[in-house]
């Protein structure tokens, strides 16, 4: 059975990256220099993020239903960020040692926004978990 061209290219790229990983791993233990490994990790992370975004966008435009559902998720996430940002404050907290941190109003606002987003997402996941369990109990 013949492999498709995309599978051949993907396997070649896999073996190249695997070889580079082995080479850098050996060099790391020989030289005890972590800088090349960190740069390689950043490169692999960038490749993973780019390929994820590219394949997501490609699959999103393959059907109208997936496009609508993807745009709905993006819109809901944007609404969550906006709600969290509007709830956040740029007031400096008061605790021992707060002056050692170099915090600005904008930084505090972003920290508060991310905390509120986390709280909202935890609450939504907890409610979803309860809903799923209760619904399953009555079926």
C-alpha atoms as a PDB file:
ATOM      1  CA  UNK A   1       0.000   0.000   0.000  1.00  0.00           C
ATOM      2  CA  UNK A   2       1.449   3.353  -1.005  1.00  0.00           C
ATOM      3  CA  UNK A   3       1.606   6.225   1.432  1.00  0.00           C
ATOM      4  CA  UNK A   4       0.268   9.599   0.451  1.00  0.00           C
ATOM      5  CA  UNK A   5       2.647  12.483  -0.121  1.00  0.00           C
ATOM      6  CA  UNK A   6       1.524  14.314   3.022  1.00  0.00           C
ATOM      7  CA  UNK A   7       2.262  11.277   5.200  1.00  0.00           C
ATOM      8  CA  UNK A   8       5.700  10.886   3.606  1.00  0.00           C
ATOM      9  CA  UNK A   9       6.530  14.552   4.191  1.00  0.00           C
ATOM     10  CA  UNK A  10       5.270  14.419   7.769  1.00  0.00           C
ATOM     11  CA  UNK A  11       7.337  11.321   8.544  1.00  0.00           C
ATOM     12  CA  UNK A  12      10.465  12.898   7.017  1.00  0.00           C
ATOM     13  CA  UNK A  13       9.957  16.033   9.133  1.00  0.00           C
ATOM     14  CA  UNK A  14       9.390  13.825  12.188  1.00  0.00           C
ATOM     15  CA  UNK A  15      12.657  11.939  11.662  1.00  0.00           C
ATOM     16  CA  UNK A  16      14.588  15.186  11.096  1.00  0.00           C
ATOM     17  CA  UNK A  17      13.219  16.715  14.311  1.00  0.00           C
ATOM     18  CA  UNK A  18      13.847  13.449  16.171  1.00  0.00           C
ATOM     19  CA  UNK A  19      17.478  13.436  14.999  1.00  0.00           C
ATOM     20  CA  UNK A  20      17.963  17.054  16.039  1.00  0.00           C
ATOM     21  CA  UNK A  21      16.434  16.251  19.436  1.00  0.00           C
ATOM     22  CA  UNK A  22      18.810  13.340  19.983  1.00  0.00           C
ATOM     23  CA  UNK A  23      21.803  15.434  18.890  1.00  0.00           C
ATOM     24  CA  UNK A  24      20.885  18.325  21.178  1.00  0.00           C
ATOM     25  CA  UNK A  25      20.186  15.913  24.050  1.00  0.00           C
ATOM     26  CA  UNK A  26      23.654  14.385  23.708  1.00  0.00           C
ATOM     27  CA  UNK A  27      25.247  17.840  23.445  1.00  0.00           C
ATOM     28  CA  UNK A  28      23.356  18.947  26.541  1.00  0.00           C
ATOM     29  CA  UNK A  29      24.802  16.122  28.634  1.00  0.00           C
ATOM     30  CA  UNK A  30      28.301  16.545  27.193  1.00  0.00           C
ATOM     31  CA  UNK A  31      28.587  20.359  27.428  1.00  0.00           C
ATOM     32  CA  UNK A  32      26.051  21.055  30.191  1.00  0.00           C
ATOM     33  CA  UNK A  33      24.860  24.054  28.147  1.00  0.00           C
ATOM     34  CA  UNK A  34      21.106  24.468  28.190  1.00  0.00           C
ATOM     35  CA  UNK A  35      20.860  27.415  25.796  1.00  0.00           C
ATOM     36  CA  UNK A  36      20.520  25.359  22.574  1.00  0.00           C
ATOM     37  CA  UNK A  37      17.877  23.156  24.206  1.00  0.00           C
ATOM     38  CA  UNK A  38      15.856  26.192  25.261  1.00  0.00           C
ATOM     39  CA  UNK A  39      16.004  27.704  21.788  1.00  0.00           C
ATOM     40  CA  UNK A  40      15.027  24.350  20.273  1.00  0.00           C
ATOM     41  CA  UNK A  41      12.136  24.090  22.722  1.00  0.00           C
ATOM     42  CA  UNK A  42      10.930  27.537  21.672  1.00  0.00           C
ATOM     43  CA  UNK A  43      11.189  26.535  18.016  1.00  0.00           C
ATOM     44  CA  UNK A  44       9.233  23.298  18.580  1.00  0.00           C
ATOM     45  CA  UNK A  45       6.608  25.176  20.584  1.00  0.00           C
ATOM     46  CA  UNK A  46       6.270  27.708  17.771  1.00  0.00           C
ATOM     47  CA  UNK A  47       5.940  24.941  15.187  1.00  0.00           C
ATOM     48  CA  UNK A  48       3.267  23.212  17.281  1.00  0.00           C
ATOM     49  CA  UNK A  49       1.322  26.438  17.791  1.00  0.00           C
ATOM     50  CA  UNK A  50       1.539  27.428  14.124  1.00  0.00           C
ATOM     51  CA  UNK A  51       0.483  24.005  12.858  1.00  0.00           C
ATOM     52  CA  UNK A  52      -2.401  23.902  15.329  1.00  0.00           C
ATOM     53  CA  UNK A  53      -3.629  27.308  14.199  1.00  0.00           C
ATOM     54  CA  UNK A  54      -3.207  26.510  10.511  1.00  0.00           C
ATOM     55  CA  UNK A  55      -5.057  23.188  10.697  1.00  0.00           C
ATOM     56  CA  UNK A  56      -7.780  24.731  12.850  1.00  0.00           C
ATOM     57  CA  UNK A  57      -8.371  27.534  10.357  1.00  0.00           C
ATOM     58  CA  UNK A  58      -8.327  25.105   7.418  1.00  0.00           C
ATOM     59  CA  UNK A  59     -10.831  22.765   9.060  1.00  0.00           C
ATOM     60  CA  UNK A  60     -12.944  25.725  10.145  1.00  0.00           C
ATOM     61  CA  UNK A  61     -13.527  26.801   6.543  1.00  0.00           C
ATOM     62  CA  UNK A  62     -14.324  23.307   5.248  1.00  0.00           C
ATOM     63  CA  UNK A  63     -17.980  23.476   6.255  1.00  0.00           C
ATOM     64  CA  UNK A  64     -20.437  26.186   7.176  1.00  0.00           C
ATOM     65  CA  UNK A  65     -21.460  24.407  10.380  1.00  0.00           C
ATOM     66  CA  UNK A  66     -17.902  24.217  11.716  1.00  0.00           C
ATOM     67  CA  UNK A  67     -17.324  27.864  10.762  1.00  0.00           C
ATOM     68  CA  UNK A  68     -20.389  28.976  12.720  1.00  0.00           C
ATOM     69  CA  UNK A  69     -19.484  26.871  15.759  1.00  0.00           C
ATOM     70  CA  UNK A  70     -15.877  28.109  15.723  1.00  0.00           C
ATOM     71  CA  UNK A  71     -16.946  31.739  15.451  1.00  0.00           C
ATOM     72  CA  UNK A  72     -19.428  31.183  18.291  1.00  0.00           C
ATOM     73  CA  UNK A  73     -16.667  29.832  20.537  1.00  0.00           C
ATOM     74  CA  UNK A  74     -14.388  32.743  19.624  1.00  0.00           C
ATOM     75  CA  UNK A  75     -17.208  35.209  20.337  1.00  0.00           C
ATOM     76  CA  UNK A  76     -17.995  33.616  23.703  1.00  0.00           C
ATOM     77  CA  UNK A  77     -14.323  33.700  24.649  1.00  0.00           C
ATOM     78  CA  UNK A  78     -14.136  37.369  23.650  1.00  0.00           C
ATOM     79  CA  UNK A  79     -17.216  38.092  25.758  1.00  0.00           C
ATOM     80  CA  UNK A  80     -15.592  36.282  28.689  1.00  0.00           C
ATOM     81  CA  UNK A  81     -12.442  38.382  28.335  1.00  0.00           C
ATOM     82  CA  UNK A  82     -14.506  41.579  28.120  1.00  0.00           C
ATOM     83  CA  UNK A  83     -16.599  40.700  31.183  1.00  0.00           C
ATOM     84  CA  UNK A  84     -13.462  39.797  33.139  1.00  0.00           C
ATOM     85  CA  UNK A  85     -11.758  43.023  32.084  1.00  0.00           C
ATOM     86  CA  UNK A  86     -14.757  45.115  33.117  1.00  0.00           C
ATOM     87  CA  UNK A  87     -14.861  43.382  36.514  1.00  0.00           C
ATOM     88  CA  UNK A  88     -11.137  43.865  37.172  1.00  0.00           C
ATOM     89  CA  UNK A  89      -9.548  46.673  39.143  1.00  0.00           C
ATOM     90  CA  UNK A  90      -6.215  48.450  38.881  1.00  0.00           C
ATOM     91  CA  UNK A  91      -6.021  49.188  42.623  1.00  0.00           C
ATOM     92  CA  UNK A  92      -2.740  48.297  44.300  1.00  0.00           C
ATOM     93  CA  UNK A  93      -3.165  45.443  46.786  1.00  0.00           C
ATOM     94  CA  UNK A  94      -2.001  45.922  50.356  1.00  0.00           C
ATOM     95  CA  UNK A  95       0.137  43.186  51.858  1.00  0.00           C
ATOM     96  CA  UNK A  96       3.577  42.903  53.396  1.00  0.00           C
ATOM     97  CA  UNK A  97       6.271  43.342  50.745  1.00  0.00           C
ATOM     98  CA  UNK A  98       4.033  44.727  48.000  1.00  0.00           C
ATOM     99  CA  UNK A  99       6.498  47.554  47.365  1.00  0.00           C
ATOM    100  CA  UNK A 100       9.133  45.071  46.157  1.00  0.00           C
ATOM    101  CA  UNK A 101       7.002  44.320  43.104  1.00  0.00           C
ATOM    102  CA  UNK A 102       7.112  46.834  40.282  1.00  0.00           C
ATOM    103  CA  UNK A 103       3.418  46.763  39.439  1.00  0.00           C
ATOM    104  CA  UNK A 104       1.656  49.323  37.299  1.00  0.00           C
ATOM    105  CA  UNK A 105      -2.059  49.921  36.964  1.00  0.00           C
ATOM    106  CA  UNK A 106      -2.143  48.157  33.594  1.00  0.00           C
ATOM    107  CA  UNK A 107      -0.320  45.127  34.934  1.00  0.00           C
ATOM    108  CA  UNK A 108      -2.686  44.911  37.887  1.00  0.00           C
ATOM    109  CA  UNK A 109      -5.676  45.185  35.538  1.00  0.00           C
ATOM    110  CA  UNK A 110      -4.373  42.291  33.400  1.00  0.00           C
ATOM    111  CA  UNK A 111      -3.660  40.160  36.477  1.00  0.00           C
ATOM    112  CA  UNK A 112      -7.167  40.813  37.775  1.00  0.00           C
ATOM    113  CA  UNK A 113      -8.634  40.035  34.352  1.00  0.00           C
ATOM    114  CA  UNK A 114      -6.873  36.673  34.169  1.00  0.00           C
ATOM    115  CA  UNK A 115      -7.917  35.816  37.732  1.00  0.00           C
ATOM    116  CA  UNK A 116     -11.561  36.639  37.018  1.00  0.00           C
ATOM    117  CA  UNK A 117     -11.394  34.590  33.799  1.00  0.00           C
ATOM    118  CA  UNK A 118     -10.032  31.651  35.766  1.00  0.00           C
ATOM    119  CA  UNK A 119     -12.760  31.997  38.411  1.00  0.00           C
ATOM    120  CA  UNK A 120     -15.488  32.149  35.771  1.00  0.00           C
ATOM    121  CA  UNK A 121     -14.108  29.160  33.850  1.00  0.00           C
ATOM    122  CA  UNK A 122     -13.802  27.101  37.044  1.00  0.00           C
ATOM    123  CA  UNK A 123     -17.387  27.973  37.994  1.00  0.00           C
ATOM    124  CA  UNK A 124     -18.680  27.110  34.510  1.00  0.00           C
ATOM    125  CA  UNK A 125     -16.828  23.790  34.493  1.00  0.00           C
ATOM    126  CA  UNK A 126     -18.149  22.950  37.976  1.00  0.00           C
ATOM    127  CA  UNK A 127     -21.733  23.759  36.930  1.00  0.00           C
ATOM    128  CA  UNK A 128     -21.261  21.704  33.756  1.00  0.00           C
ATOM    129  CA  UNK A 129     -19.955  18.791  35.784  1.00  0.00           C
ATOM    130  CA  UNK A 130     -22.919  18.961  38.144  1.00  0.00           C
ATOM    131  CA  UNK A 131     -25.354  19.245  35.234  1.00  0.00           C
ATOM    132  CA  UNK A 132     -23.848  16.220  33.512  1.00  0.00           C
ATOM    133  CA  UNK A 133     -23.978  14.105  36.664  1.00  0.00           C
ATOM    134  CA  UNK A 134     -27.542  15.117  37.542  1.00  0.00           C
ATOM    135  CA  UNK A 135     -28.736  14.568  33.972  1.00  0.00           C
ATOM    136  CA  UNK A 136     -27.084  11.143  33.935  1.00  0.00           C
ATOM    137  CA  UNK A 137     -28.783  10.186  37.193  1.00  0.00           C
ATOM    138  CA  UNK A 138     -32.259  10.765  35.737  1.00  0.00           C
ATOM    139  CA  UNK A 139     -31.694   8.843  32.492  1.00  0.00           C
END
